[in-house]
């Protein structure tokens, strides 16, 4: 069985989404090919739900395994 590795980004901008996104915070990305075609990312935001945001508001990051586990456990 294939597993999909969870991807994470850090918020680098939140103009217009101040309530939903916090700069410098790590967010989990939900794969969405249609959103990607429109330069959008689907992330789990402050509401705990997944929504689309401009891709340019985030930078991709790679977390060390111990930090990945901690971030996923905190969700």
PDB file of N, CA and C in Angstrom:
ATOM      1  N   UNK A   1       0.840  -1.172   0.000  1.00  0.00           N
ATOM      2  CA  UNK A   1       0.000   0.000   0.000  1.00  0.00           C
ATOM      3  C   UNK A   1       0.891   1.243   0.000  1.00  0.00           C
ATOM      4  N   UNK A   2       0.629   2.167  -0.909  1.00  0.00           N
ATOM      5  CA  UNK A   2       1.415   3.400  -0.994  1.00  0.00           C
ATOM      6  C   UNK A   2       0.888   4.416   0.016  1.00  0.00           C
ATOM      7  N   UNK A   3       1.807   5.160   0.615  1.00  0.00           N
ATOM      8  CA  UNK A   3       1.391   6.210   1.541  1.00  0.00           C
ATOM      9  C   UNK A   3       1.817   7.551   0.974  1.00  0.00           C
ATOM     10  N   UNK A   4       1.028   8.557   1.195  1.00  0.00           N
ATOM     11  CA  UNK A   4       1.340   9.902   0.757  1.00  0.00           C
ATOM     12  C   UNK A   4       1.979  10.633   1.923  1.00  0.00           C
ATOM     13  N   UNK A   5       3.162  11.153   1.694  1.00  0.00           N
ATOM     14  CA  UNK A   5       3.858  11.895   2.739  1.00  0.00           C
ATOM     15  C   UNK A   5       3.202  13.261   2.897  1.00  0.00           C
ATOM     16  N   UNK A   6       2.882  13.593   4.113  1.00  0.00           N
ATOM     17  CA  UNK A   6       2.254  14.888   4.383  1.00  0.00           C
ATOM     18  C   UNK A   6       3.250  16.005   4.114  1.00  0.00           C
ATOM     19  N   UNK A   7       2.750  17.089   3.511  1.00  0.00           N
ATOM     20  CA  UNK A   7       3.598  18.227   3.186  1.00  0.00           C
ATOM     21  C   UNK A   7       3.219  19.404   4.073  1.00  0.00           C
ATOM     22  N   UNK A   8       4.220  20.237   4.342  1.00  0.00           N
ATOM     23  CA  UNK A   8       4.030  21.398   5.203  1.00  0.00           C
ATOM     24  C   UNK A   8       4.576  22.648   4.535  1.00  0.00           C
ATOM     25  N   UNK A   9       3.993  23.780   4.905  1.00  0.00           N
ATOM     26  CA  UNK A   9       4.437  25.089   4.426  1.00  0.00           C
ATOM     27  C   UNK A   9       4.464  26.031   5.617  1.00  0.00           C
ATOM     28  N   UNK A  10       5.182  27.130   5.459  1.00  0.00           N
ATOM     29  CA  UNK A  10       5.166  28.177   6.471  1.00  0.00           C
ATOM     30  C   UNK A  10       4.510  29.402   5.839  1.00  0.00           C
ATOM     31  N   UNK A  11       3.653  30.055   6.589  1.00  0.00           N
ATOM     32  CA  UNK A  11       2.961  31.247   6.105  1.00  0.00           C
ATOM     33  C   UNK A  11       3.937  32.418   6.091  1.00  0.00           C
ATOM     34  N   UNK A  12       4.028  33.091   4.949  1.00  0.00           N
ATOM     35  CA  UNK A  12       4.926  34.236   4.838  1.00  0.00           C
ATOM     36  C   UNK A  12       4.160  35.537   4.576  1.00  0.00           C
ATOM     37  N   UNK A  13       2.834  35.411   4.409  1.00  0.00           N
ATOM     38  CA  UNK A  13       1.995  36.586   4.148  1.00  0.00           C
ATOM     39  C   UNK A  13       0.556  36.214   4.491  1.00  0.00           C
ATOM     40  N   UNK A  14      -0.218  37.173   5.001  1.00  0.00           N
ATOM     41  CA  UNK A  14      -1.615  36.865   5.318  1.00  0.00           C
ATOM     42  C   UNK A  14      -2.583  37.993   4.961  1.00  0.00           C
ATOM     43  N   UNK A  15      -2.161  38.946   4.132  1.00  0.00           N
ATOM     44  CA  UNK A  15      -3.008  40.089   3.786  1.00  0.00           C
ATOM     45  C   UNK A  15      -4.365  39.610   3.249  1.00  0.00           C
ATOM     46  N   UNK A  16      -5.411  40.088   3.896  1.00  0.00           N
ATOM     47  CA  UNK A  16      -6.758  39.696   3.515  1.00  0.00           C
ATOM     48  C   UNK A  16      -7.257  38.448   4.229  1.00  0.00           C
ATOM     49  N   UNK A  17      -6.359  37.758   4.906  1.00  0.00           N
ATOM     50  CA  UNK A  17      -6.703  36.523   5.616  1.00  0.00           C
ATOM     51  C   UNK A  17      -6.164  36.556   7.049  1.00  0.00           C
ATOM     52  N   UNK A  18      -6.142  37.735   7.661  1.00  0.00           N
ATOM     53  CA  UNK A  18      -5.527  37.922   8.968  1.00  0.00           C
ATOM     54  C   UNK A  18      -6.127  37.027  10.055  1.00  0.00           C
ATOM     55  N   UNK A  19      -7.402  36.718   9.967  1.00  0.00           N
ATOM     56  CA  UNK A  19      -8.056  35.874  10.970  1.00  0.00           C
ATOM     57  C   UNK A  19      -7.719  34.398  10.751  1.00  0.00           C
ATOM     58  N   UNK A  20      -7.524  34.004   9.499  1.00  0.00           N
ATOM     59  CA  UNK A  20      -7.346  32.592   9.166  1.00  0.00           C
ATOM     60  C   UNK A  20      -5.895  32.131   9.119  1.00  0.00           C
ATOM     61  N   UNK A  21      -4.965  33.043   8.869  1.00  0.00           N
ATOM     62  CA  UNK A  21      -3.553  32.672   8.710  1.00  0.00           C
ATOM     63  C   UNK A  21      -2.655  33.516   9.603  1.00  0.00           C
ATOM     64  N   UNK A  22      -1.653  32.868  10.185  1.00  0.00           N
ATOM     65  CA  UNK A  22      -0.666  33.563  11.017  1.00  0.00           C
ATOM     66  C   UNK A  22       0.699  33.502  10.351  1.00  0.00           C
ATOM     67  N   UNK A  23       1.324  34.654  10.099  1.00  0.00           N
ATOM     68  CA  UNK A  23       2.678  34.641   9.541  1.00  0.00           C
ATOM     69  C   UNK A  23       3.630  33.845  10.449  1.00  0.00           C
ATOM     70  N   UNK A  24       4.546  33.146   9.825  1.00  0.00           N
ATOM     71  CA  UNK A  24       5.580  32.327  10.477  1.00  0.00           C
ATOM     72  C   UNK A  24       5.021  31.029  11.078  1.00  0.00           C
ATOM     73  N   UNK A  25       3.770  30.728  10.876  1.00  0.00           N
ATOM     74  CA  UNK A  25       3.185  29.497  11.404  1.00  0.00           C
ATOM     75  C   UNK A  25       3.251  28.402  10.341  1.00  0.00           C
ATOM     76  N   UNK A  26       3.427  27.159  10.802  1.00  0.00           N
ATOM     77  CA  UNK A  26       3.479  25.993   9.924  1.00  0.00           C
ATOM     78  C   UNK A  26       2.060  25.488   9.686  1.00  0.00           C
ATOM     79  N   UNK A  27       1.760  25.194   8.411  1.00  0.00           N
ATOM     80  CA  UNK A  27       0.456  24.654   8.024  1.00  0.00           C
ATOM     81  C   UNK A  27       0.641  23.375   7.217  1.00  0.00           C
ATOM     82  N   UNK A  28      -0.289  22.443   7.395  1.00  0.00           N
ATOM     83  CA  UNK A  28      -0.286  21.206   6.615  1.00  0.00           C
ATOM     84  C   UNK A  28      -1.026  21.442   5.306  1.00  0.00           C
ATOM     85  N   UNK A  29      -0.453  20.939   4.217  1.00  0.00           N
ATOM     86  CA  UNK A  29      -1.042  21.064   2.890  1.00  0.00           C
ATOM     87  C   UNK A  29      -1.869  19.818   2.583  1.00  0.00           C
ATOM     88  N   UNK A  30      -3.058  20.036   2.023  1.00  0.00           N
ATOM     89  CA  UNK A  30      -3.901  18.945   1.538  1.00  0.00           C
ATOM     90  C   UNK A  30      -3.730  18.915   0.020  1.00  0.00           C
ATOM     91  N   UNK A  31      -3.325  17.786  -0.548  1.00  0.00           N
ATOM     92  CA  UNK A  31      -3.139  17.727  -2.010  1.00  0.00           C
ATOM     93  C   UNK A  31      -4.421  18.112  -2.751  1.00  0.00           C
ATOM     94  N   UNK A  32      -4.283  18.973  -3.751  1.00  0.00           N
ATOM     95  CA  UNK A  32      -5.417  19.413  -4.558  1.00  0.00           C
ATOM     96  C   UNK A  32      -4.875  19.868  -5.909  1.00  0.00           C
ATOM     97  N   UNK A  33      -4.912  18.972  -6.888  1.00  0.00           N
ATOM     98  CA  UNK A  33      -4.350  19.245  -8.215  1.00  0.00           C
ATOM     99  C   UNK A  33      -5.068  20.398  -8.905  1.00  0.00           C
ATOM    100  N   UNK A  34      -6.375  20.482  -8.761  1.00  0.00           N
ATOM    101  CA  UNK A  34      -7.134  21.569  -9.389  1.00  0.00           C
ATOM    102  C   UNK A  34      -6.717  22.920  -8.803  1.00  0.00           C
ATOM    103  N   UNK A  35      -6.551  22.986  -7.500  1.00  0.00           N
ATOM    104  CA  UNK A  35      -6.114  24.230  -6.855  1.00  0.00           C
ATOM    105  C   UNK A  35      -4.722  24.626  -7.344  1.00  0.00           C
ATOM    106  N   UNK A  36      -3.831  23.662  -7.467  1.00  0.00           N
ATOM    107  CA  UNK A  36      -2.465  23.935  -7.912  1.00  0.00           C
ATOM    108  C   UNK A  36      -2.449  24.550  -9.315  1.00  0.00           C
ATOM    109  N   UNK A  37      -3.369  24.116 -10.176  1.00  0.00           N
ATOM    110  CA  UNK A  37      -3.448  24.679 -11.526  1.00  0.00           C
ATOM    111  C   UNK A  37      -3.811  26.176 -11.489  1.00  0.00           C
ATOM    112  N   UNK A  38      -4.395  26.615 -10.394  1.00  0.00           N
ATOM    113  CA  UNK A  38      -4.795  28.012 -10.243  1.00  0.00           C
ATOM    114  C   UNK A  38      -3.904  28.759  -9.242  1.00  0.00           C
ATOM    115  N   UNK A  39      -2.704  28.180  -8.985  1.00  0.00           N
ATOM    116  CA  UNK A  39      -1.719  28.772  -8.074  1.00  0.00           C
ATOM    117  C   UNK A  39      -2.289  28.985  -6.681  1.00  0.00           C
ATOM    118  N   UNK A  40      -3.050  28.007  -6.225  1.00  0.00           N
ATOM    119  CA  UNK A  40      -3.646  28.012  -4.891  1.00  0.00           C
ATOM    120  C   UNK A  40      -3.133  26.794  -4.124  1.00  0.00           C
ATOM    121  N   UNK A  41      -3.135  26.900  -2.802  1.00  0.00           N
ATOM    122  CA  UNK A  41      -2.814  25.767  -1.928  1.00  0.00           C
ATOM    123  C   UNK A  41      -4.013  25.526  -1.024  1.00  0.00           C
ATOM    124  N   UNK A  42      -4.300  24.264  -0.771  1.00  0.00           N
ATOM    125  CA  UNK A  42      -5.337  23.907   0.200  1.00  0.00           C
ATOM    126  C   UNK A  42      -4.615  23.573   1.499  1.00  0.00           C
ATOM    127  N   UNK A  43      -4.835  24.385   2.519  1.00  0.00           N
ATOM    128  CA  UNK A  43      -4.179  24.163   3.807  1.00  0.00           C
ATOM    129  C   UNK A  43      -5.219  24.102   4.918  1.00  0.00           C
ATOM    130  N   UNK A  44      -4.843  23.455   6.006  1.00  0.00           N
ATOM    131  CA  UNK A  44      -5.683  23.433   7.203  1.00  0.00           C
ATOM    132  C   UNK A  44      -5.341  24.701   7.975  1.00  0.00           C
ATOM    133  N   UNK A  45      -6.309  25.604   8.064  1.00  0.00           N
ATOM    134  CA  UNK A  45      -6.038  26.918   8.659  1.00  0.00           C
ATOM    135  C   UNK A  45      -6.428  26.966  10.134  1.00  0.00           C
ATOM    136  N   UNK A  46      -6.521  28.182  10.676  1.00  0.00           N
ATOM    137  CA  UNK A  46      -6.809  28.379  12.103  1.00  0.00           C
ATOM    138  C   UNK A  46      -8.171  27.836  12.527  1.00  0.00           C
ATOM    139  N   UNK A  47      -9.085  27.681  11.574  1.00  0.00           N
ATOM    140  CA  UNK A  47     -10.412  27.146  11.897  1.00  0.00           C
ATOM    141  C   UNK A  47     -10.376  25.625  12.083  1.00  0.00           C
ATOM    142  N   UNK A  48      -9.270  25.001  11.653  1.00  0.00           N
ATOM    143  CA  UNK A  48      -9.174  23.543  11.707  1.00  0.00           C
ATOM    144  C   UNK A  48      -9.721  22.881  10.454  1.00  0.00           C
ATOM    145  N   UNK A  49     -10.216  23.687   9.526  1.00  0.00           N
ATOM    146  CA  UNK A  49     -10.755  23.192   8.254  1.00  0.00           C
ATOM    147  C   UNK A  49      -9.759  23.507   7.138  1.00  0.00           C
ATOM    148  N   UNK A  50      -9.926  22.844   6.000  1.00  0.00           N
ATOM    149  CA  UNK A  50      -9.043  23.127   4.867  1.00  0.00           C
ATOM    150  C   UNK A  50      -9.716  24.110   3.908  1.00  0.00           C
ATOM    151  N   UNK A  51      -8.923  25.102   3.492  1.00  0.00           N
ATOM    152  CA  UNK A  51      -9.396  26.135   2.578  1.00  0.00           C
ATOM    153  C   UNK A  51      -8.296  26.459   1.574  1.00  0.00           C
ATOM    154  N   UNK A  52      -8.687  27.106   0.488  1.00  0.00           N
ATOM    155  CA  UNK A  52      -7.730  27.510  -0.536  1.00  0.00           C
ATOM    156  C   UNK A  52      -7.196  28.907  -0.237  1.00  0.00           C
ATOM    157  N   UNK A  53      -5.884  29.048  -0.439  1.00  0.00           N
ATOM    158  CA  UNK A  53      -5.215  30.333  -0.276  1.00  0.00           C
ATOM    159  C   UNK A  53      -4.200  30.491  -1.403  1.00  0.00           C
ATOM    160  N   UNK A  54      -3.795  31.737  -1.705  1.00  0.00           N
ATOM    161  CA  UNK A  54      -2.780  31.940  -2.737  1.00  0.00           C
ATOM    162  C   UNK A  54      -1.483  31.201  -2.376  1.00  0.00           C
ATOM    163  N   UNK A  55      -0.953  30.491  -3.339  1.00  0.00           N
ATOM    164  CA  UNK A  55       0.302  29.750  -3.149  1.00  0.00           C
ATOM    165  C   UNK A  55       1.437  30.680  -2.707  1.00  0.00           C
ATOM    166  N   UNK A  56       1.407  31.931  -3.182  1.00  0.00           N
ATOM    167  CA  UNK A  56       2.474  32.888  -2.873  1.00  0.00           C
ATOM    168  C   UNK A  56       2.492  33.309  -1.400  1.00  0.00           C
ATOM    169  N   UNK A  57       1.482  32.946  -0.642  1.00  0.00           N
ATOM    170  CA  UNK A  57       1.428  33.276   0.779  1.00  0.00           C
ATOM    171  C   UNK A  57       2.218  32.288   1.639  1.00  0.00           C
ATOM    172  N   UNK A  58       2.790  31.264   1.003  1.00  0.00           N
ATOM    173  CA  UNK A  58       3.465  30.201   1.727  1.00  0.00           C
ATOM    174  C   UNK A  58       4.806  29.852   1.099  1.00  0.00           C
ATOM    175  N   UNK A  59       5.685  29.309   1.925  1.00  0.00           N
ATOM    176  CA  UNK A  59       6.956  28.757   1.451  1.00  0.00           C
ATOM    177  C   UNK A  59       7.014  27.298   1.899  1.00  0.00           C
ATOM    178  N   UNK A  60       7.392  26.395   0.989  1.00  0.00           N
ATOM    179  CA  UNK A  60       7.485  24.983   1.375  1.00  0.00           C
ATOM    180  C   UNK A  60       8.629  24.768   2.362  1.00  0.00           C
ATOM    181  N   UNK A  61       8.437  23.839   3.287  1.00  0.00           N
ATOM    182  CA  UNK A  61       9.486  23.522   4.256  1.00  0.00           C
ATOM    183  C   UNK A  61       9.599  22.009   4.404  1.00  0.00           C
ATOM    184  N   UNK A  62      10.773  21.567   4.793  1.00  0.00           N
ATOM    185  CA  UNK A  62      11.012  20.160   5.115  1.00  0.00           C
ATOM    186  C   UNK A  62      11.337  20.100   6.599  1.00  0.00           C
ATOM    187  N   UNK A  63      10.560  19.334   7.324  1.00  0.00           N
ATOM    188  CA  UNK A  63      10.746  19.227   8.767  1.00  0.00           C
ATOM    189  C   UNK A  63      11.557  17.987   9.116  1.00  0.00           C
ATOM    190  N   UNK A  64      12.448  18.078  10.105  1.00  0.00           N
ATOM    191  CA  UNK A  64      13.129  16.875  10.597  1.00  0.00           C
ATOM    192  C   UNK A  64      12.070  15.905  11.140  1.00  0.00           C
ATOM    193  N   UNK A  65      12.343  14.626  11.073  1.00  0.00           N
ATOM    194  CA  UNK A  65      11.368  13.605  11.463  1.00  0.00           C
ATOM    195  C   UNK A  65      10.790  13.823  12.865  1.00  0.00           C
ATOM    196  N   UNK A  66      11.620  14.177  13.824  1.00  0.00           N
ATOM    197  CA  UNK A  66      11.117  14.377  15.188  1.00  0.00           C
ATOM    198  C   UNK A  66      10.139  15.555  15.253  1.00  0.00           C
ATOM    199  N   UNK A  67      10.412  16.602  14.506  1.00  0.00           N
ATOM    200  CA  UNK A  67       9.517  17.753  14.468  1.00  0.00           C
ATOM    201  C   UNK A  67       8.234  17.422  13.704  1.00  0.00           C
ATOM    202  N   UNK A  68       8.339  16.646  12.624  1.00  0.00           N
ATOM    203  CA  UNK A  68       7.141  16.198  11.884  1.00  0.00           C
ATOM    204  C   UNK A  68       6.197  15.468  12.818  1.00  0.00           C
ATOM    205  N   UNK A  69       6.738  14.553  13.606  1.00  0.00           N
ATOM    206  CA  UNK A  69       5.904  13.788  14.533  1.00  0.00           C
ATOM    207  C   UNK A  69       5.224  14.715  15.539  1.00  0.00           C
ATOM    208  N   UNK A  70       5.976  15.669  16.066  1.00  0.00           N
ATOM    209  CA  UNK A  70       5.423  16.602  17.044  1.00  0.00           C
ATOM    210  C   UNK A  70       4.319  17.466  16.430  1.00  0.00           C
ATOM    211  N   UNK A  71       4.535  17.967  15.232  1.00  0.00           N
ATOM    212  CA  UNK A  71       3.537  18.800  14.567  1.00  0.00           C
ATOM    213  C   UNK A  71       2.284  17.995  14.269  1.00  0.00           C
ATOM    214  N   UNK A  72       2.431  16.781  13.780  1.00  0.00           N
ATOM    215  CA  UNK A  72       1.273  15.943  13.477  1.00  0.00           C
ATOM    216  C   UNK A  72       0.527  15.529  14.743  1.00  0.00           C
ATOM    217  N   UNK A  73       1.247  15.303  15.813  1.00  0.00           N
ATOM    218  CA  UNK A  73       0.611  14.915  17.086  1.00  0.00           C
ATOM    219  C   UNK A  73      -0.175  16.074  17.687  1.00  0.00           C
ATOM    220  N   UNK A  74       0.265  17.305  17.409  1.00  0.00           N
ATOM    221  CA  UNK A  74      -0.393  18.478  17.962  1.00  0.00           C
ATOM    222  C   UNK A  74      -1.681  18.844  17.213  1.00  0.00           C
ATOM    223  N   UNK A  75      -1.863  18.247  16.062  1.00  0.00           N
ATOM    224  CA  UNK A  75      -3.035  18.606  15.217  1.00  0.00           C
ATOM    225  C   UNK A  75      -4.323  18.073  15.784  1.00  0.00           C
TER     226      UNK A  75
END
